[in-house]
N, C-alpha and C. Protein backbone atom coordinates (compact mmCIF):
# COMPACT_ATOMS: atom_id res chain seq x y z
N HIS A 1 96.46 76.09 85.34
CA HIS A 1 97.00 75.80 84.18
C HIS A 1 98.30 76.53 83.69
N TRP A 2 99.12 76.85 84.78
CA TRP A 2 100.20 78.04 84.82
C TRP A 2 101.26 77.48 84.11
N ILE A 3 101.61 76.29 84.17
CA ILE A 3 102.74 75.87 83.30
C ILE A 3 102.68 76.00 81.89
N GLU A 4 101.29 75.57 81.37
CA GLU A 4 100.85 75.46 80.24
C GLU A 4 100.99 77.04 79.59
N ALA A 5 100.50 77.91 80.27
CA ALA A 5 100.45 79.22 79.78
C ALA A 5 101.74 79.96 79.94
N GLU A 6 102.88 79.37 80.75
CA GLU A 6 104.09 79.76 80.69
C GLU A 6 104.70 79.37 79.58
N ARG A 7 104.33 78.13 79.00
CA ARG A 7 105.13 77.32 77.63
C ARG A 7 104.61 78.44 76.81
N LEU A 8 103.07 78.41 76.60
CA LEU A 8 102.96 79.41 75.71
C LEU A 8 103.12 80.90 75.09
N LEU A 9 103.37 81.41 76.61
CA LEU A 9 103.85 82.51 76.45
C LEU A 9 105.35 83.03 75.96
N LYS A 10 106.10 81.78 76.28
CA LYS A 10 107.57 81.94 75.95
C LYS A 10 107.57 81.51 74.40
N GLN A 11 106.81 80.54 74.15
CA GLN A 11 106.74 80.32 72.50
C GLN A 11 106.15 81.75 71.90
N ALA A 12 105.39 82.21 72.32
CA ALA A 12 104.91 83.84 71.85
C ALA A 12 106.01 84.42 71.52
N ILE A 13 106.83 84.63 72.71
CA ILE A 13 108.11 85.67 72.56
C ILE A 13 109.21 84.89 71.68
N GLN A 14 109.33 83.62 71.72
CA GLN A 14 110.06 83.19 70.83
C GLN A 14 110.09 83.47 69.35
N GLN A 15 108.77 83.72 69.05
CA GLN A 15 107.96 83.85 67.72
C GLN A 15 108.44 85.15 67.35
N ARG A 16 108.09 85.91 68.34
CA ARG A 16 108.01 87.38 68.34
C ARG A 16 108.23 88.27 69.47
N PRO A 17 109.86 88.28 69.53
CA PRO A 17 110.94 88.79 70.59
C PRO A 17 110.10 90.14 71.23
N ASN A 18 109.85 91.07 69.91
CA ASN A 18 108.81 92.18 70.61
C ASN A 18 107.48 92.27 70.91
N ASP A 19 107.12 91.22 71.13
CA ASP A 19 105.47 91.05 71.66
C ASP A 19 105.59 91.72 73.28
N VAL A 20 105.53 92.69 73.57
CA VAL A 20 105.28 93.50 74.91
C VAL A 20 104.01 92.78 75.66
N ASP A 21 103.07 92.56 74.89
CA ASP A 21 101.80 91.99 75.85
C ASP A 21 102.12 90.87 76.16
N ALA A 22 102.82 89.68 75.63
CA ALA A 22 103.37 88.42 76.01
C ALA A 22 104.61 88.72 77.16
N ARG A 23 105.31 89.59 76.99
CA ARG A 23 106.48 89.49 78.24
C ARG A 23 105.76 90.18 79.39
N LEU A 24 104.71 90.97 79.20
CA LEU A 24 104.15 91.55 80.69
C LEU A 24 103.21 90.48 80.96
N LEU A 25 102.55 89.80 80.21
CA LEU A 25 101.90 88.56 81.11
C LEU A 25 102.78 87.61 81.39
N LEU A 26 104.02 87.08 81.16
CA LEU A 26 105.07 86.24 81.54
C LEU A 26 105.63 86.85 82.76
N ALA A 27 105.85 88.16 82.72
CA ALA A 27 106.42 88.66 84.09
C ALA A 27 105.58 88.30 85.10
N THR A 28 104.16 88.56 84.77
CA THR A 28 102.80 88.34 85.93
C THR A 28 102.99 87.09 86.25
N LEU A 29 102.88 86.24 85.38
CA LEU A 29 102.35 84.94 85.66
C LEU A 29 103.57 84.39 86.54
N LEU A 30 104.87 84.75 86.03
CA LEU A 30 106.02 84.09 86.88
C LEU A 30 106.08 84.91 88.30
N ARG A 31 105.53 86.20 88.41
CA ARG A 31 105.46 86.52 89.84
C ARG A 31 104.54 85.99 90.89
N ARG A 32 103.05 85.51 90.12
CA ARG A 32 102.11 85.10 90.84
C ARG A 32 102.88 83.32 91.02
N MET A 33 103.62 82.90 90.30
CA MET A 33 104.07 81.47 90.85
C MET A 33 105.32 81.46 91.55
N ASP A 34 105.40 82.63 92.18
CA ASP A 34 106.69 82.78 93.30
C ASP A 34 107.80 82.90 92.59
N ARG A 35 108.20 83.05 91.45
CA ARG A 35 109.57 82.86 90.63
C ARG A 35 110.06 84.27 90.46
N LEU A 36 109.94 85.15 91.62
CA LEU A 36 110.41 86.35 91.50
C LEU A 36 111.86 87.01 90.81
N PRO A 37 112.82 86.18 90.80
CA PRO A 37 114.10 86.76 90.09
C PRO A 37 113.75 86.78 88.62
N GLU A 38 112.73 85.62 88.11
CA GLU A 38 112.47 85.35 86.65
C GLU A 38 111.75 86.43 86.36
N SER A 39 110.56 86.93 87.45
CA SER A 39 109.87 87.91 86.93
C SER A 39 110.57 89.20 86.64
N ARG A 40 111.42 89.33 87.53
CA ARG A 40 112.18 90.87 87.54
C ARG A 40 113.12 90.80 86.19
N ARG A 41 113.69 89.84 85.73
CA ARG A 41 114.18 89.97 84.68
C ARG A 41 113.35 89.89 83.52
N GLU A 42 112.37 89.51 83.46
CA GLU A 42 111.26 89.62 82.64
C GLU A 42 110.87 91.14 82.09
N LEU A 43 110.79 91.66 83.30
CA LEU A 43 110.22 92.94 83.69
C LEU A 43 111.44 93.69 82.91
N GLN A 44 112.69 93.69 83.06
CA GLN A 44 114.06 94.02 82.44
C GLN A 44 113.87 93.86 80.63
N ASN A 45 113.61 92.80 80.28
CA ASN A 45 113.40 92.46 79.06
C ASN A 45 112.29 93.62 78.29
N LEU A 46 111.41 93.42 79.48
CA LEU A 46 110.13 94.07 78.72
C LEU A 46 110.54 95.75 78.61
N GLU A 47 111.01 96.25 79.40
CA GLU A 47 111.28 97.82 79.60
C GLU A 47 111.99 98.04 78.49
N LYS A 48 113.11 96.72 77.74
CA LYS A 48 114.12 97.35 76.70
C LYS A 48 113.12 97.10 75.28
N THR A 49 112.00 96.67 75.43
CA THR A 49 111.77 96.22 74.34
C THR A 49 110.69 97.46 73.62
N ALA A 50 110.87 98.10 72.43
CA ALA A 50 110.11 98.94 71.76
C ALA A 50 108.66 98.37 72.07
N GLY A 51 107.90 99.36 72.29
CA GLY A 51 106.38 99.71 72.73
C GLY A 51 106.01 99.63 74.17
N ALA A 52 107.13 99.16 74.73
CA ALA A 52 106.64 98.80 76.27
C ALA A 52 106.18 100.25 76.95
N GLU A 53 106.07 100.88 76.62
CA GLU A 53 105.51 102.59 77.21
C GLU A 53 104.18 102.57 77.33
N LYS A 54 103.76 101.51 76.25
CA LYS A 54 102.33 101.64 76.50
C LYS A 54 101.74 100.78 77.95
N TRP A 55 102.63 99.87 78.23
CA TRP A 55 102.39 99.67 79.58
C TRP A 55 103.32 100.03 80.45
N SER A 56 103.57 101.31 80.73
CA SER A 56 104.04 101.81 81.54
C SER A 56 103.61 101.81 83.30
N LEU A 57 102.09 101.96 83.29
CA LEU A 57 101.84 101.99 84.41
C LEU A 57 101.58 100.48 85.06
N GLU A 58 101.46 99.59 84.26
CA GLU A 58 101.24 98.03 84.70
C GLU A 58 102.77 97.61 84.87
N ILE A 59 103.92 97.97 84.35
CA ILE A 59 104.91 97.54 84.65
C ILE A 59 105.61 98.21 86.14
N PHE A 60 105.03 99.33 86.30
CA PHE A 60 105.26 100.15 87.69
C PHE A 60 104.69 99.30 88.62
N ARG A 61 103.35 99.18 88.46
CA ARG A 61 102.46 97.97 89.60
C ARG A 61 103.23 96.73 89.56
N GLU A 62 103.78 96.04 88.57
CA GLU A 62 104.33 94.73 88.64
C GLU A 62 105.59 94.83 89.69
N ARG A 63 106.30 95.91 89.26
CA ARG A 63 107.46 96.22 90.13
C ARG A 63 107.14 96.29 91.87
N GLU A 64 105.89 96.95 91.80
CA GLU A 64 105.49 97.19 93.25
C GLU A 64 105.37 95.97 93.78
N LEU A 65 104.46 94.94 92.93
CA LEU A 65 104.06 93.82 93.49
C LEU A 65 105.28 93.13 94.09
N LEU A 66 106.01 92.92 92.85
CA LEU A 66 107.41 92.13 92.99
C LEU A 66 107.96 92.56 94.48
N GLU A 67 108.19 93.64 94.70
CA GLU A 67 109.08 94.33 95.81
C GLU A 67 107.91 93.67 97.29
N ARG A 68 106.70 93.86 97.06
CA ARG A 68 105.88 93.50 98.29
C ARG A 68 106.03 91.99 98.59
N ASP A 69 106.23 91.08 97.58
CA ASP A 69 106.27 89.58 97.39
C ASP A 69 107.32 89.21 98.19
N ALA A 70 108.41 90.05 97.56
CA ALA A 70 109.98 89.70 98.04
C ALA A 70 110.17 90.04 99.52
N GLU A 71 109.60 90.98 99.93
CA GLU A 71 109.51 91.35 101.47
C GLU A 71 108.57 90.26 101.96
N GLU A 72 107.48 89.77 101.92
CA GLU A 72 106.75 88.83 102.24
C GLU A 72 107.43 87.47 102.40
N GLN A 73 108.27 86.90 101.32
CA GLN A 73 109.06 85.74 101.33
C GLN A 73 110.26 86.01 102.44
N ASP A 74 110.91 87.20 102.43
CA ASP A 74 111.92 87.35 103.65
C ASP A 74 111.16 87.33 104.62
N GLU A 75 110.23 87.80 105.36
CA GLU A 75 109.72 87.70 106.52
C GLU A 75 109.17 86.46 106.72
N THR A 76 108.72 85.66 105.89
CA THR A 76 108.47 84.35 106.20
C THR A 76 109.86 83.28 106.24
N ALA A 77 110.85 83.91 105.62
CA ALA A 77 112.16 82.78 105.92
C ALA A 77 112.65 83.31 107.03
N ALA A 78 112.57 84.52 107.52
CA ALA A 78 113.08 84.74 108.90
C ALA A 78 112.19 84.43 110.10
N ASN A 79 111.08 84.40 110.04
CA ASN A 79 109.97 83.74 111.09
C ASN A 79 110.70 82.01 111.05
N THR A 80 110.59 81.66 109.79
CA THR A 80 110.94 80.25 110.06
C THR A 80 112.39 79.86 110.39
N GLN A 81 113.44 80.99 110.36
CA GLN A 81 114.64 80.51 110.97
C GLN A 81 114.67 80.76 112.44
N ALA A 82 113.52 81.77 112.79
CA ALA A 82 113.67 82.30 114.43
C ALA A 82 113.05 81.11 115.07
N ALA A 83 112.15 80.12 114.30
CA ALA A 83 111.17 79.15 115.19
C ALA A 83 111.90 78.14 115.36
């Protein structure tokens, strides 16, 4: 139910733009849906939000996972083109 989760998280953020928990969940959800640029933007928004420091380790880990996923997408695309 990822689409529904995304809708609810965006609604929560619209109602409370400083909801750092919802922003982190949305960034994670977007990454898991392979929407990496959107996830990256949401992490950037999160880092600008007051209170985000409580999730600094999780934000760091999300950035690592984003980079890993981006590398995997690049490798897949390169292999597809080579084939």
